PDB file of N, CA and C in Angstrom:
ATOM      1  N   MET A   1     -37.271  96.626  56.526  1.00  0.00           N
ATOM      2  CA  MET A   1     -37.048  97.322  57.678  1.00  0.00           C
ATOM      3  C   MET A   1     -37.365  98.293  56.930  1.00  0.00           C
ATOM      4  N   LYS A   2     -38.355  99.143  58.018  1.00  0.00           N
ATOM      5  CA  LYS A   2     -38.539 100.725  57.739  1.00  0.00           C
ATOM      6  C   LYS A   2     -38.609 100.754  59.216  1.00  0.00           C
ATOM      7  N   LEU A   3     -38.034 102.495  59.976  1.00  0.00           N
ATOM      8  CA  LEU A   3     -38.042 103.096  60.997  1.00  0.00           C
ATOM      9  C   LEU A   3     -38.864 104.563  60.711  1.00  0.00           C
ATOM     10  N   ILE A   4     -39.788 104.711  61.132  1.00  0.00           N
ATOM     11  CA  ILE A   4     -40.655 105.598  61.456  1.00  0.00           C
ATOM     12  C   ILE A   4     -40.656 106.800  62.968  1.00  0.00           C
ATOM     13  N   TYR A   5     -39.676 107.418  62.808  1.00  0.00           N
ATOM     14  CA  TYR A   5     -39.910 108.211  64.226  1.00  0.00           C
ATOM     15  C   TYR A   5     -40.867 108.693  64.517  1.00  0.00           C
ATOM     16  N   GLN A   6     -41.069 109.039  65.809  1.00  0.00           N
ATOM     17  CA  GLN A   6     -41.985 109.597  66.368  1.00  0.00           C
ATOM     18  C   GLN A   6     -41.968 110.855  67.475  1.00  0.00           C
ATOM     19  N   GLY A   7     -40.863 111.859  66.886  1.00  0.00           N
ATOM     20  CA  GLY A   7     -40.944 112.433  67.339  1.00  0.00           C
ATOM     21  C   GLY A   7     -40.767 112.849  68.966  1.00  0.00           C
ATOM     22  N   MET A   8     -39.824 111.970  69.605  1.00  0.00           N
ATOM     23  CA  MET A   8     -39.028 111.344  70.575  1.00  0.00           C
ATOM     24  C   MET A   8     -37.717 110.371  70.448  1.00  0.00           C
ATOM     25  N   GLU A   9     -36.302 111.091  71.175  1.00  0.00           N
ATOM     26  CA  GLU A   9     -35.265 110.479  71.034  1.00  0.00           C
ATOM     27  C   GLU A   9     -35.352 108.409  71.020  1.00  0.00           C
ATOM     28  N   GLY A  10     -35.291 107.840  70.556  1.00  0.00           N
ATOM     29  CA  GLY A  10     -35.431 106.561  70.721  1.00  0.00           C
ATOM     30  C   GLY A  10     -36.580 105.542  70.537  1.00  0.00           C
ATOM     31  N   VAL A  11     -37.832 106.609  70.126  1.00  0.00           N
ATOM     32  CA  VAL A  11     -39.451 105.819  69.927  1.00  0.00           C
ATOM     33  C   VAL A  11     -39.612 105.818  68.198  1.00  0.00           C
ATOM     34  N   ALA A  12     -39.891 104.559  67.616  1.00  0.00           N
ATOM     35  CA  ALA A  12     -40.052 104.289  66.389  1.00  0.00           C
ATOM     36  C   ALA A  12     -40.838 103.483  66.275  1.00  0.00           C
ATOM     37  N   ILE A  13     -41.401 103.673  65.159  1.00  0.00           N
ATOM     38  CA  ILE A  13     -42.597 102.536  64.429  1.00  0.00           C
ATOM     39  C   ILE A  13     -41.428 101.300  63.453  1.00  0.00           C
ATOM     40  N   ILE A  14     -41.731 100.113  63.753  1.00  0.00           N
ATOM     41  CA  ILE A  14     -40.896  99.649  62.629  1.00  0.00           C
ATOM     42  C   ILE A  14     -41.797  99.304  61.561  1.00  0.00           C
ATOM     43  N   GLU A  15     -41.573  99.416  60.406  1.00  0.00           N
ATOM     44  CA  GLU A  15     -42.296  99.063  59.533  1.00  0.00           C
ATOM     45  C   GLU A  15     -42.113  97.890  58.123  1.00  0.00           C
ATOM     46  N   PRO A  16     -42.628  96.689  58.396  1.00  0.00           N
ATOM     47  CA  PRO A  16     -42.043  95.885  58.161  1.00  0.00           C
ATOM     48  C   PRO A  16     -42.249  95.559  57.035  1.00  0.00           C
ATOM     49  N   LEU A  17     -41.501  94.468  55.941  1.00  0.00           N
ATOM     50  CA  LEU A  17     -42.228  94.311  54.529  1.00  0.00           C
ATOM     51  C   LEU A  17     -42.897  93.152  54.697  1.00  0.00           C
ATOM     52  N   ILE A  18     -43.934  93.158  53.944  1.00  0.00           N
ATOM     53  CA  ILE A  18     -44.790  92.026  53.692  1.00  0.00           C
ATOM     54  C   ILE A  18     -44.903  91.298  52.400  1.00  0.00           C
ATOM     55  N   PHE A  19     -45.040  90.403  52.813  1.00  0.00           N
ATOM     56  CA  PHE A  19     -44.785  89.517  51.412  1.00  0.00           C
ATOM     57  C   PHE A  19     -46.234  88.576  51.579  1.00  0.00           C
ATOM     58  N   GLU A  20     -46.928  88.555  50.121  1.00  0.00           N
ATOM     59  CA  GLU A  20     -48.239  88.083  50.190  1.00  0.00           C
ATOM     60  C   GLU A  20     -48.072  87.488  48.241  1.00  0.00           C
ATOM     61  N   ASP A  21     -48.709  86.079  48.812  1.00  0.00           N
ATOM     62  CA  ASP A  21     -48.920  84.721  47.819  1.00  0.00           C
ATOM     63  C   ASP A  21     -50.507  84.468  48.063  1.00  0.00           C
ATOM     64  N   ASN A  22     -50.755  83.615  47.330  1.00  0.00           N
ATOM     65  CA  ASN A  22     -52.015  82.595  47.714  1.00  0.00           C
ATOM     66  C   ASN A  22     -52.390  81.844  48.646  1.00  0.00           C
ATOM     67  N   ARG A  23     -51.322  82.029  49.315  1.00  0.00           N
ATOM     68  CA  ARG A  23     -51.187  80.969  50.661  1.00  0.00           C
ATOM     69  C   ARG A  23     -51.978  82.211  51.833  1.00  0.00           C
ATOM     70  N   GLY A  24     -51.302  83.557  52.208  1.00  0.00           N
ATOM     71  CA  GLY A  24     -51.241  84.097  52.537  1.00  0.00           C
ATOM     72  C   GLY A  24     -50.116  85.772  53.014  1.00  0.00           C
ATOM     73  N   THR A  25     -49.666  86.404  54.205  1.00  0.00           N
ATOM     74  CA  THR A  25     -48.708  86.640  53.818  1.00  0.00           C
ATOM     75  C   THR A  25     -47.728  86.428  54.666  1.00  0.00           C
ATOM     76  N   PHE A  26     -46.604  87.024  54.863  1.00  0.00           N
ATOM     77  CA  PHE A  26     -44.905  86.629  55.624  1.00  0.00           C
ATOM     78  C   PHE A  26     -44.450  87.887  55.849  1.00  0.00           C
ATOM     79  N   ARG A  27     -43.970  88.303  57.105  1.00  0.00           N
ATOM     80  CA  ARG A  27     -43.406  89.694  57.217  1.00  0.00           C
ATOM     81  C   ARG A  27     -42.314  89.104  58.911  1.00  0.00           C
ATOM     82  N   ARG A  28     -40.905  89.572  58.455  1.00  0.00           N
ATOM     83  CA  ARG A  28     -40.245  89.595  59.797  1.00  0.00           C
ATOM     84  C   ARG A  28     -40.767  90.864  60.675  1.00  0.00           C
ATOM     85  N   THR A  29     -41.116  90.096  61.954  1.00  0.00           N
ATOM     86  CA  THR A  29     -41.051  90.955  63.118  1.00  0.00           C
ATOM     87  C   THR A  29     -39.686  91.426  63.656  1.00  0.00           C
ATOM     88  N   PHE A  30     -38.692  90.609  63.819  1.00  0.00           N
ATOM     89  CA  PHE A  30     -37.578  90.408  64.078  1.00  0.00           C
ATOM     90  C   PHE A  30     -36.458  90.478  63.709  1.00  0.00           C
ATOM     91  N   CYS A  31     -35.405  91.288  63.065  1.00  0.00           N
ATOM     92  CA  CYS A  31     -34.029  90.919  62.760  1.00  0.00           C
ATOM     93  C   CYS A  31     -33.363  91.963  63.183  1.00  0.00           C
ATOM     94  N   ALA A  32     -31.847  90.954  63.803  1.00  0.00           N
ATOM     95  CA  ALA A  32     -30.694  92.031  64.429  1.00  0.00           C
ATOM     96  C   ALA A  32     -30.384  92.806  63.727  1.00  0.00           C
ATOM     97  N   GLU A  33     -29.518  91.927  62.890  1.00  0.00           N
ATOM     98  CA  GLU A  33     -28.640  92.417  61.243  1.00  0.00           C
ATOM     99  C   GLU A  33     -29.770  93.687  60.924  1.00  0.00           C
ATOM    100  N   GLU A  34     -30.863  93.590  60.438  1.00  0.00           N
ATOM    101  CA  GLU A  34     -31.438  94.289  59.696  1.00  0.00           C
ATOM    102  C   GLU A  34     -32.035  96.079  60.749  1.00  0.00           C
ATOM    103  N   LEU A  35     -31.988  95.515  61.785  1.00  0.00           N
ATOM    104  CA  LEU A  35     -32.161  96.819  62.940  1.00  0.00           C
ATOM    105  C   LEU A  35     -30.569  97.382  63.092  1.00  0.00           C
ATOM    106  N   ASN A  36     -29.426  96.677  63.370  1.00  0.00           N
ATOM    107  CA  ASN A  36     -27.979  97.215  63.278  1.00  0.00           C
ATOM    108  C   ASN A  36     -27.900  98.441  62.187  1.00  0.00           C
ATOM    109  N   LYS A  37     -28.313  97.845  61.275  1.00  0.00           N
ATOM    110  CA  LYS A  37     -28.152  98.532  59.713  1.00  0.00           C
ATOM    111  C   LYS A  37     -28.984  99.916  59.955  1.00  0.00           C
ATOM    112  N   LEU A  38     -29.961  99.759  60.547  1.00  0.00           N
ATOM    113  CA  LEU A  38     -30.976 100.643  60.619  1.00  0.00           C
ATOM    114  C   LEU A  38     -30.971 102.083  62.024  1.00  0.00           C
ATOM    115  N   GLY A  39     -29.326 101.260  62.871  1.00  0.00           N
ATOM    116  CA  GLY A  39     -29.010 102.356  63.880  1.00  0.00           C
ATOM    117  C   GLY A  39     -29.565 102.023  65.136  1.00  0.00           C
ATOM    118  N   VAL A  40     -29.952 100.627  65.134  1.00  0.00           N
ATOM    119  CA  VAL A  40     -30.934 100.178  66.389  1.00  0.00           C
ATOM    120  C   VAL A  40     -30.106  98.735  67.037  1.00  0.00           C
ATOM    121  N   ASN A  41     -29.279  99.204  68.190  1.00  0.00           N
ATOM    122  CA  ASN A  41     -28.721  97.775  68.670  1.00  0.00           C
ATOM    123  C   ASN A  41     -29.889  97.363  69.865  1.00  0.00           C
ATOM    124  N   PHE A  42     -30.065  96.535  68.977  1.00  0.00           N
ATOM    125  CA  PHE A  42     -31.375  95.618  70.172  1.00  0.00           C
ATOM    126  C   PHE A  42     -30.758  94.177  70.594  1.00  0.00           C
ATOM    127  N   SER A  43     -30.809  93.893  71.744  1.00  0.00           N
ATOM    128  CA  SER A  43     -30.133  92.281  72.465  1.00  0.00           C
ATOM    129  C   SER A  43     -31.353  91.963  72.956  1.00  0.00           C
ATOM    130  N   VAL A  44     -31.650  90.866  72.468  1.00  0.00           N
ATOM    131  CA  VAL A  44     -33.081  90.283  72.890  1.00  0.00           C
ATOM    132  C   VAL A  44     -32.622  89.524  74.217  1.00  0.00           C
ATOM    133  N   CYS A  45     -33.165  89.968  75.398  1.00  0.00           N
ATOM    134  CA  CYS A  45     -32.888  88.978  76.752  1.00  0.00           C
ATOM    135  C   CYS A  45     -34.313  87.964  76.908  1.00  0.00           C
ATOM    136  N   GLN A  46     -35.338  88.619  76.225  1.00  0.00           N
ATOM    137  CA  GLN A  46     -36.274  87.578  76.759  1.00  0.00           C
ATOM    138  C   GLN A  46     -37.501  88.262  75.885  1.00  0.00           C
ATOM    139  N   GLY A  47     -38.702  87.078  75.822  1.00  0.00           N
ATOM    140  CA  GLY A  47     -39.536  87.402  74.990  1.00  0.00           C
ATOM    141  C   GLY A  47     -40.874  87.028  75.908  1.00  0.00           C
ATOM    142  N   ASN A  48     -41.959  88.072  75.998  1.00  0.00           N
ATOM    143  CA  ASN A  48     -43.545  87.836  76.552  1.00  0.00           C
ATOM    144  C   ASN A  48     -44.214  87.881  75.766  1.00  0.00           C
ATOM    145  N   ILE A  49     -45.292  87.085  76.308  1.00  0.00           N
ATOM    146  CA  ILE A  49     -46.317  87.263  75.535  1.00  0.00           C
ATOM    147  C   ILE A  49     -47.647  87.633  76.545  1.00  0.00           C
ATOM    148  N   SER A  50     -48.503  88.510  76.493  1.00  0.00           N
ATOM    149  CA  SER A  50     -49.755  89.198  77.456  1.00  0.00           C
ATOM    150  C   SER A  50     -51.277  88.751  76.931  1.00  0.00           C
ATOM    151  N   GLU A  51     -51.576  88.035  77.566  1.00  0.00           N
ATOM    152  CA  GLU A  51     -53.120  87.807  76.773  1.00  0.00           C
ATOM    153  C   GLU A  51     -54.264  88.555  77.940  1.00  0.00           C
ATOM    154  N   ASN A  52     -55.146  88.941  77.502  1.00  0.00           N
ATOM    155  CA  ASN A  52     -56.229  89.887  78.272  1.00  0.00           C
ATOM    156  C   ASN A  52     -57.166  88.944  78.456  1.00  0.00           C
ATOM    157  N   LEU A  53     -58.051  88.541  79.060  1.00  0.00           N
ATOM    158  CA  LEU A  53     -59.264  88.270  79.200  1.00  0.00           C
ATOM    159  C   LEU A  53     -60.828  89.318  78.810  1.00  0.00           C
ATOM    160  N   GLU A  54     -60.668  90.273  78.910  1.00  0.00           N
ATOM    161  CA  GLU A  54     -61.670  91.111  78.763  1.00  0.00           C
ATOM    162  C   GLU A  54     -60.917  92.360  77.807  1.00  0.00           C
ATOM    163  N   LYS A  55     -61.503  93.389  77.137  1.00  0.00           N
ATOM    164  CA  LYS A  55     -61.741  94.459  76.281  1.00  0.00           C
ATOM    165  C   LYS A  55     -60.826  95.668  77.141  1.00  0.00           C
ATOM    166  N   HIS A  56     -60.719  96.716  76.991  1.00  0.00           N
ATOM    167  CA  HIS A  56     -59.798  97.699  77.879  1.00  0.00           C
ATOM    168  C   HIS A  56     -59.354  97.357  79.098  1.00  0.00           C
ATOM    169  N   THR A  57     -58.577  96.557  79.075  1.00  0.00           N
ATOM    170  CA  THR A  57     -57.677  95.946  80.271  1.00  0.00           C
ATOM    171  C   THR A  57     -56.465  96.833  80.215  1.00  0.00           C
ATOM    172  N   MET A  58     -56.148  97.547  81.070  1.00  0.00           N
ATOM    173  CA  MET A  58     -55.071  98.339  81.363  1.00  0.00           C
ATOM    174  C   MET A  58     -53.728  97.352  81.760  1.00  0.00           C
ATOM    175  N   ARG A  59     -52.744  97.878  81.239  1.00  0.00           N
ATOM    176  CA  ARG A  59     -51.474  96.956  81.665  1.00  0.00           C
ATOM    177  C   ARG A  59     -50.355  97.707  81.485  1.00  0.00           C
ATOM    178  N   GLY A  60     -49.392  97.629  82.047  1.00  0.00           N
ATOM    179  CA  GLY A  60     -48.061  98.290  81.585  1.00  0.00           C
ATOM    180  C   GLY A  60     -47.734  99.194  83.203  1.00  0.00           C
ATOM    181  N   PHE A  61     -47.266 100.800  82.915  1.00  0.00           N
ATOM    182  CA  PHE A  61     -46.827 101.226  83.865  1.00  0.00           C
ATOM    183  C   PHE A  61     -45.479 101.261  84.072  1.00  0.00           C
ATOM    184  N   HIS A  62     -44.350 100.713  82.818  1.00  0.00           N
ATOM    185  CA  HIS A  62     -42.719 100.701  83.282  1.00  0.00           C
ATOM    186  C   HIS A  62     -42.273 101.611  83.366  1.00  0.00           C
ATOM    187  N   TYR A  63     -41.535 102.446  84.314  1.00  0.00           N
ATOM    188  CA  TYR A  63     -40.194 103.384  84.786  1.00  0.00           C
ATOM    189  C   TYR A  63     -39.389 102.523  84.344  1.00  0.00           C
ATOM    190  N   GLN A  64     -38.472 103.157  83.386  1.00  0.00           N
ATOM    191  CA  GLN A  64     -37.300 102.686  83.186  1.00  0.00           C
ATOM    192  C   GLN A  64     -36.382 103.385  83.679  1.00  0.00           C
ATOM    193  N   LYS A  65     -34.646 103.283  84.352  1.00  0.00           N
ATOM    194  CA  LYS A  65     -34.100 103.713  84.733  1.00  0.00           C
ATOM    195  C   LYS A  65     -32.570 102.931  84.590  1.00  0.00           C
ATOM    196  N   SER A  66     -31.749 103.443  84.337  1.00  0.00           N
ATOM    197  CA  SER A  66     -30.031 102.893  84.219  1.00  0.00           C
ATOM    198  C   SER A  66     -29.766 102.271  85.425  1.00  0.00           C
ATOM    199  N   PRO A  67     -29.177 101.257  85.537  1.00  0.00           N
ATOM    200  CA  PRO A  67     -28.571 100.375  84.691  1.00  0.00           C
ATOM    201  C   PRO A  67     -29.926  99.078  84.321  1.00  0.00           C
ATOM    202  N   SER A  68     -31.206  99.447  84.709  1.00  0.00           N
ATOM    203  CA  SER A  68     -32.067  98.583  84.589  1.00  0.00           C
ATOM    204  C   SER A  68     -33.325  98.845  83.305  1.00  0.00           C
ATOM    205  N   PHE A  69     -32.811  99.287  82.751  1.00  0.00           N
ATOM    206  CA  PHE A  69     -33.423  99.972  81.298  1.00  0.00           C
ATOM    207  C   PHE A  69     -33.580  98.744  80.334  1.00  0.00           C
ATOM    208  N   GLU A  70     -34.575  98.461  79.623  1.00  0.00           N
ATOM    209  CA  GLU A  70     -35.102  97.555  78.534  1.00  0.00           C
ATOM    210  C   GLU A  70     -35.546  98.006  77.203  1.00  0.00           C
ATOM    211  N   SER A  71     -35.059  97.698  75.996  1.00  0.00           N
ATOM    212  CA  SER A  71     -35.464  98.054  75.098  1.00  0.00           C
ATOM    213  C   SER A  71     -36.538  97.144  74.515  1.00  0.00           C
ATOM    214  N   LYS A  72     -37.905  98.050  74.044  1.00  0.00           N
ATOM    215  CA  LYS A  72     -39.077  96.672  73.893  1.00  0.00           C
ATOM    216  C   LYS A  72     -39.513  96.770  72.282  1.00  0.00           C
ATOM    217  N   ILE A  73     -39.641  95.429  71.570  1.00  0.00           N
ATOM    218  CA  ILE A  73     -40.765  95.649  70.491  1.00  0.00           C
ATOM    219  C   ILE A  73     -41.860  95.214  71.084  1.00  0.00           C
ATOM    220  N   LEU A  74     -43.044  95.762  70.635  1.00  0.00           N
ATOM    221  CA  LEU A  74     -44.325  95.973  71.142  1.00  0.00           C
ATOM    222  C   LEU A  74     -44.965  94.912  69.925  1.00  0.00           C
ATOM    223  N   THR A  75     -45.764  93.842  69.597  1.00  0.00           N
ATOM    224  CA  THR A  75     -46.796  93.440  68.487  1.00  0.00           C
ATOM    225  C   THR A  75     -47.684  92.830  68.704  1.00  0.00           C
ATOM    226  N   PRO A  76     -48.808  93.141  68.864  1.00  0.00           N
ATOM    227  CA  PRO A  76     -50.017  92.522  68.828  1.00  0.00           C
ATOM    228  C   PRO A  76     -50.188  91.435  67.955  1.00  0.00           C
ATOM    229  N   VAL A  77     -50.670  90.133  68.645  1.00  0.00           N
ATOM    230  CA  VAL A  77     -51.117  88.928  67.947  1.00  0.00           C
ATOM    231  C   VAL A  77     -52.182  89.205  67.477  1.00  0.00           C
ATOM    232  N   SER A  78     -53.085  89.818  68.463  1.00  0.00           N
ATOM    233  CA  SER A  78     -54.404  89.993  68.170  1.00  0.00           C
ATOM    234  C   SER A  78     -55.228  91.113  68.607  1.00  0.00           C
ATOM    235  N   GLY A  79     -56.117  91.902  67.761  1.00  0.00           N
ATOM    236  CA  GLY A  79     -56.570  92.673  69.059  1.00  0.00           C
ATOM    237  C   GLY A  79     -56.069  93.769  68.990  1.00  0.00           C
ATOM    238  N   SER A  80     -55.699  94.863  69.544  1.00  0.00           N
ATOM    239  CA  SER A  80     -55.100  96.227  69.584  1.00  0.00           C
ATOM    240  C   SER A  80     -54.402  96.561  70.491  1.00  0.00           C
ATOM    241  N   ILE A  81     -53.497  97.792  71.042  1.00  0.00           N
ATOM    242  CA  ILE A  81     -52.715  97.885  72.129  1.00  0.00           C
ATOM    243  C   ILE A  81     -52.471  99.366  71.816  1.00  0.00           C
ATOM    244  N   TYR A  82     -52.742 100.425  72.898  1.00  0.00           N
ATOM    245  CA  TYR A  82     -52.869 101.658  72.783  1.00  0.00           C
ATOM    246  C   TYR A  82     -51.333 101.698  74.038  1.00  0.00           C
ATOM    247  N   ASN A  83     -50.718 102.307  73.125  1.00  0.00           N
ATOM    248  CA  ASN A  83     -49.773 102.644  73.697  1.00  0.00           C
ATOM    249  C   ASN A  83     -49.009 104.378  73.695  1.00  0.00           C
ATOM    250  N   VAL A  84     -48.934 104.690  75.284  1.00  0.00           N
ATOM    251  CA  VAL A  84     -48.156 105.678  75.586  1.00  0.00           C
ATOM    252  C   VAL A  84     -47.042 105.289  75.745  1.00  0.00           C
ATOM    253  N   ILE A  85     -46.229 106.315  75.405  1.00  0.00           N
ATOM    254  CA  ILE A  85     -44.863 106.637  76.131  1.00  0.00           C
ATOM    255  C   ILE A  85     -44.424 107.874  76.828  1.00  0.00           C
ATOM    256  N   ILE A  86     -44.303 108.320  77.860  1.00  0.00           N
ATOM    257  CA  ILE A  86     -43.759 109.743  78.402  1.00  0.00           C
ATOM    258  C   ILE A  86     -42.495 109.470  78.390  1.00  0.00           C
ATOM    259  N   ASP A  87     -41.703 110.450  78.471  1.00  0.00           N
ATOM    260  CA  ASP A  87     -40.123 110.653  78.202  1.00  0.00           C
ATOM    261  C   ASP A  87     -39.944 111.858  79.774  1.00  0.00           C
ATOM    262  N   LEU A  88     -39.288 110.621  80.317  1.00  0.00           N
ATOM    263  CA  LEU A  88     -38.708 111.258  81.904  1.00  0.00           C
ATOM    264  C   LEU A  88     -37.450 111.384  82.009  1.00  0.00           C
ATOM    265  N   ARG A  89     -36.728 111.844  80.682  1.00  0.00           N
ATOM    266  CA  ARG A  89     -35.443 112.013  81.066  1.00  0.00           C
ATOM    267  C   ARG A  89     -35.315 113.513  81.025  1.00  0.00           C
ATOM    268  N   SER A  90     -34.791 113.753  82.040  1.00  0.00           N
ATOM    269  CA  SER A  90     -34.928 115.417  82.612  1.00  0.00           C
ATOM    270  C   SER A  90     -34.112 116.157  81.796  1.00  0.00           C
ATOM    271  N   ASN A  91     -32.754 115.511  81.201  1.00  0.00           N
ATOM    272  CA  ASN A  91     -31.848 116.167  79.992  1.00  0.00           C
ATOM    273  C   ASN A  91     -32.397 116.079  78.669  1.00  0.00           C
ATOM    274  N   SER A  92     -33.644 115.282  78.383  1.00  0.00           N
ATOM    275  CA  SER A  92     -34.188 115.111  76.961  1.00  0.00           C
ATOM    276  C   SER A  92     -34.514 116.564  76.217  1.00  0.00           C
ATOM    277  N   GLN A  93     -34.879 116.860  75.482  1.00  0.00           N
ATOM    278  CA  GLN A  93     -35.635 117.857  74.394  1.00  0.00           C
ATOM    279  C   GLN A  93     -37.111 117.453  74.882  1.00  0.00           C
ATOM    280  N   THR A  94     -37.243 115.973  74.690  1.00  0.00           N
ATOM    281  CA  THR A  94     -38.425 116.055  74.871  1.00  0.00           C
ATOM    282  C   THR A  94     -39.391 115.476  76.485  1.00  0.00           C
ATOM    283  N   PHE A  95     -38.691 116.220  77.484  1.00  0.00           N
ATOM    284  CA  PHE A  95     -39.170 115.961  78.829  1.00  0.00           C
ATOM    285  C   PHE A  95     -40.293 116.112  78.784  1.00  0.00           C
ATOM    286  N   LEU A  96     -41.246 115.301  79.646  1.00  0.00           N
ATOM    287  CA  LEU A  96     -42.447 114.922  79.607  1.00  0.00           C
ATOM    288  C   LEU A  96     -43.505 115.404  79.086  1.00  0.00           C
ATOM    289  N   LYS A  97     -43.102 115.125  77.856  1.00  0.00           N
ATOM    290  CA  LYS A  97     -43.979 114.907  76.217  1.00  0.00           C
ATOM    291  C   LYS A  97     -44.132 113.556  76.424  1.00  0.00           C
ATOM    292  N   SER A  98     -45.319 113.263  75.531  1.00  0.00           N
ATOM    293  CA  SER A  98     -45.695 112.226  75.434  1.00  0.00           C
ATOM    294  C   SER A  98     -45.864 111.510  73.620  1.00  0.00           C
ATOM    295  N   VAL A  99     -45.922 110.330  73.777  1.00  0.00           N
ATOM    296  CA  VAL A  99     -46.161 109.484  72.141  1.00  0.00           C
ATOM    297  C   VAL A  99     -47.133 108.389  72.488  1.00  0.00           C
ATOM    298  N   ALA A 100     -48.582 108.843  71.666  1.00  0.00           N
ATOM    299  CA  ALA A 100     -49.661 107.831  72.252  1.00  0.00           C
ATOM    300  C   ALA A 100     -49.775 107.559  70.439  1.00  0.00           C
ATOM    301  N   MET A 101     -49.748 105.775  70.481  1.00  0.00           N
ATOM    302  CA  MET A 101     -49.880 104.835  69.106  1.00  0.00           C
ATOM    303  C   MET A 101     -50.874 104.169  69.120  1.00  0.00           C
ATOM    304  N   ILE A 102     -51.799 103.441  68.425  1.00  0.00           N
ATOM    305  CA  ILE A 102     -52.333 102.592  68.447  1.00  0.00           C
ATOM    306  C   ILE A 102     -51.511 101.473  68.007  1.00  0.00           C
ATOM    307  N   LEU A 103     -51.208 100.629  68.391  1.00  0.00           N
ATOM    308  CA  LEU A 103     -51.218  99.322  67.216  1.00  0.00           C
ATOM    309  C   LEU A 103     -52.273  97.969  67.501  1.00  0.00           C
ATOM    310  N   THR A 104     -51.859  97.926  65.930  1.00  0.00           N
ATOM    311  CA  THR A 104     -53.171  96.351  65.771  1.00  0.00           C
ATOM    312  C   THR A 104     -52.528  95.450  65.001  1.00  0.00           C
ATOM    313  N   SER A 105     -53.224  94.310  64.850  1.00  0.00           N
ATOM    314  CA  SER A 105     -53.034  93.100  64.563  1.00  0.00           C
ATOM    315  C   SER A 105     -53.892  92.823  63.048  1.00  0.00           C
ATOM    316  N   SER A 106     -55.209  93.720  63.388  1.00  0.00           N
ATOM    317  CA  SER A 106     -55.668  93.645  62.148  1.00  0.00           C
ATOM    318  C   SER A 106     -55.672  94.048  60.718  1.00  0.00           C
ATOM    319  N   LYS A 107     -55.054  95.475  60.874  1.00  0.00           N
ATOM    320  CA  LYS A 107     -54.405  96.226  59.311  1.00  0.00           C
ATOM    321  C   LYS A 107     -53.152  95.532  59.211  1.00  0.00           C
ATOM    322  N   ARG A 108     -52.815  94.916  57.956  1.00  0.00           N
ATOM    323  CA  ARG A 108     -51.522  94.368  57.640  1.00  0.00           C
ATOM    324  C   ARG A 108     -51.030  95.185  56.410  1.00  0.00           C
ATOM    325  N   THR A 109     -51.458  96.231  56.500  1.00  0.00           N
ATOM    326  CA  THR A 109     -50.497  97.401  55.214  1.00  0.00           C
ATOM    327  C   THR A 109     -49.404  97.780  56.038  1.00  0.00           C
ATOM    328  N   PRO A 110     -48.257  97.948  54.869  1.00  0.00           N
ATOM    329  CA  PRO A 110     -47.152  98.556  56.047  1.00  0.00           C
ATOM    330  C   PRO A 110     -47.017  99.849  56.918  1.00  0.00           C
ATOM    331  N   CYS A 111     -48.066 100.906  56.296  1.00  0.00           N
ATOM    332  CA  CYS A 111     -48.218 101.925  56.735  1.00  0.00           C
ATOM    333  C   CYS A 111     -48.949 101.579  58.271  1.00  0.00           C
ATOM    334  N   SER A 112     -49.889 100.618  58.547  1.00  0.00           N
ATOM    335  CA  SER A 112     -50.782 100.701  59.536  1.00  0.00           C
ATOM    336  C   SER A 112     -50.314  99.378  60.460  1.00  0.00           C
ATOM    337  N   PHE A 113     -49.280  98.158  59.957  1.00  0.00           N
ATOM    338  CA  PHE A 113     -48.927  97.414  61.080  1.00  0.00           C
ATOM    339  C   PHE A 113     -47.781  97.672  61.807  1.00  0.00           C
ATOM    340  N   LEU A 114     -48.137  97.908  62.567  1.00  0.00           N
ATOM    341  CA  LEU A 114     -47.332  98.919  63.520  1.00  0.00           C
ATOM    342  C   LEU A 114     -46.619  97.979  64.589  1.00  0.00           C
ATOM    343  N   GLN A 115     -45.182  98.515  64.704  1.00  0.00           N
ATOM    344  CA  GLN A 115     -44.564  97.872  66.136  1.00  0.00           C
ATOM    345  C   GLN A 115     -43.257  99.075  66.734  1.00  0.00           C
ATOM    346  N   VAL A 116     -43.411  99.024  67.712  1.00  0.00           N
ATOM    347  CA  VAL A 116     -42.585 100.029  68.254  1.00  0.00           C
ATOM    348  C   VAL A 116     -41.275  99.649  69.496  1.00  0.00           C
ATOM    349  N   VAL A 117     -40.349 100.079  69.286  1.00  0.00           N
ATOM    350  CA  VAL A 117     -38.841 100.033  69.376  1.00  0.00           C
ATOM    351  C   VAL A 117     -38.612 101.453  70.420  1.00  0.00           C
ATOM    352  N   GLN A 118     -38.218 101.109  71.665  1.00  0.00           N
ATOM    353  CA  GLN A 118     -38.289 102.189  72.503  1.00  0.00           C
ATOM    354  C   GLN A 118     -36.491 101.550  72.403  1.00  0.00           C
ATOM    355  N   MET A 119     -35.454 102.682  72.026  1.00  0.00           N
ATOM    356  CA  MET A 119     -34.028 102.084  72.219  1.00  0.00           C
ATOM    357  C   MET A 119     -33.386 102.925  73.489  1.00  0.00           C
ATOM    358  N   HIS A 120     -32.398 102.035  73.606  1.00  0.00           N
ATOM    359  CA  HIS A 120     -31.500 103.092  75.128  1.00  0.00           C
ATOM    360  C   HIS A 120     -31.487 104.113  75.213  1.00  0.00           C
ATOM    361  N   PHE A 121     -32.030 104.762  76.215  1.00  0.00           N
ATOM    362  CA  PHE A 121     -31.745 106.206  76.235  1.00  0.00           C
ATOM    363  C   PHE A 121     -30.213 106.277  77.148  1.00  0.00           C
TER     364      PHE A 121
END
């Protein structure tokens, strides 16, 4: 795994290693040990899958404040996600800045199969 930081503290793309053979592909989507080596202390508390019936369905709007914040890894199983993160930490250098990205399941090359981790603030 490799982290590609997105210009905002705590936001990075996780680029997985992809193994391919005549059967298809294999990639690890989560490994606590590998993430810890990269400086990400991520504790899994729950796993969720969201399925939308129609394209362009909007979900989210998660405001997170201590002590109730959560780290998240987003992985589209099919289709794509347009993910926007707005920094509302008033003491941050990127306060009120945003990062937007499209996460897609259809492209499986390391630079375009994307997952996001938001580390604890």
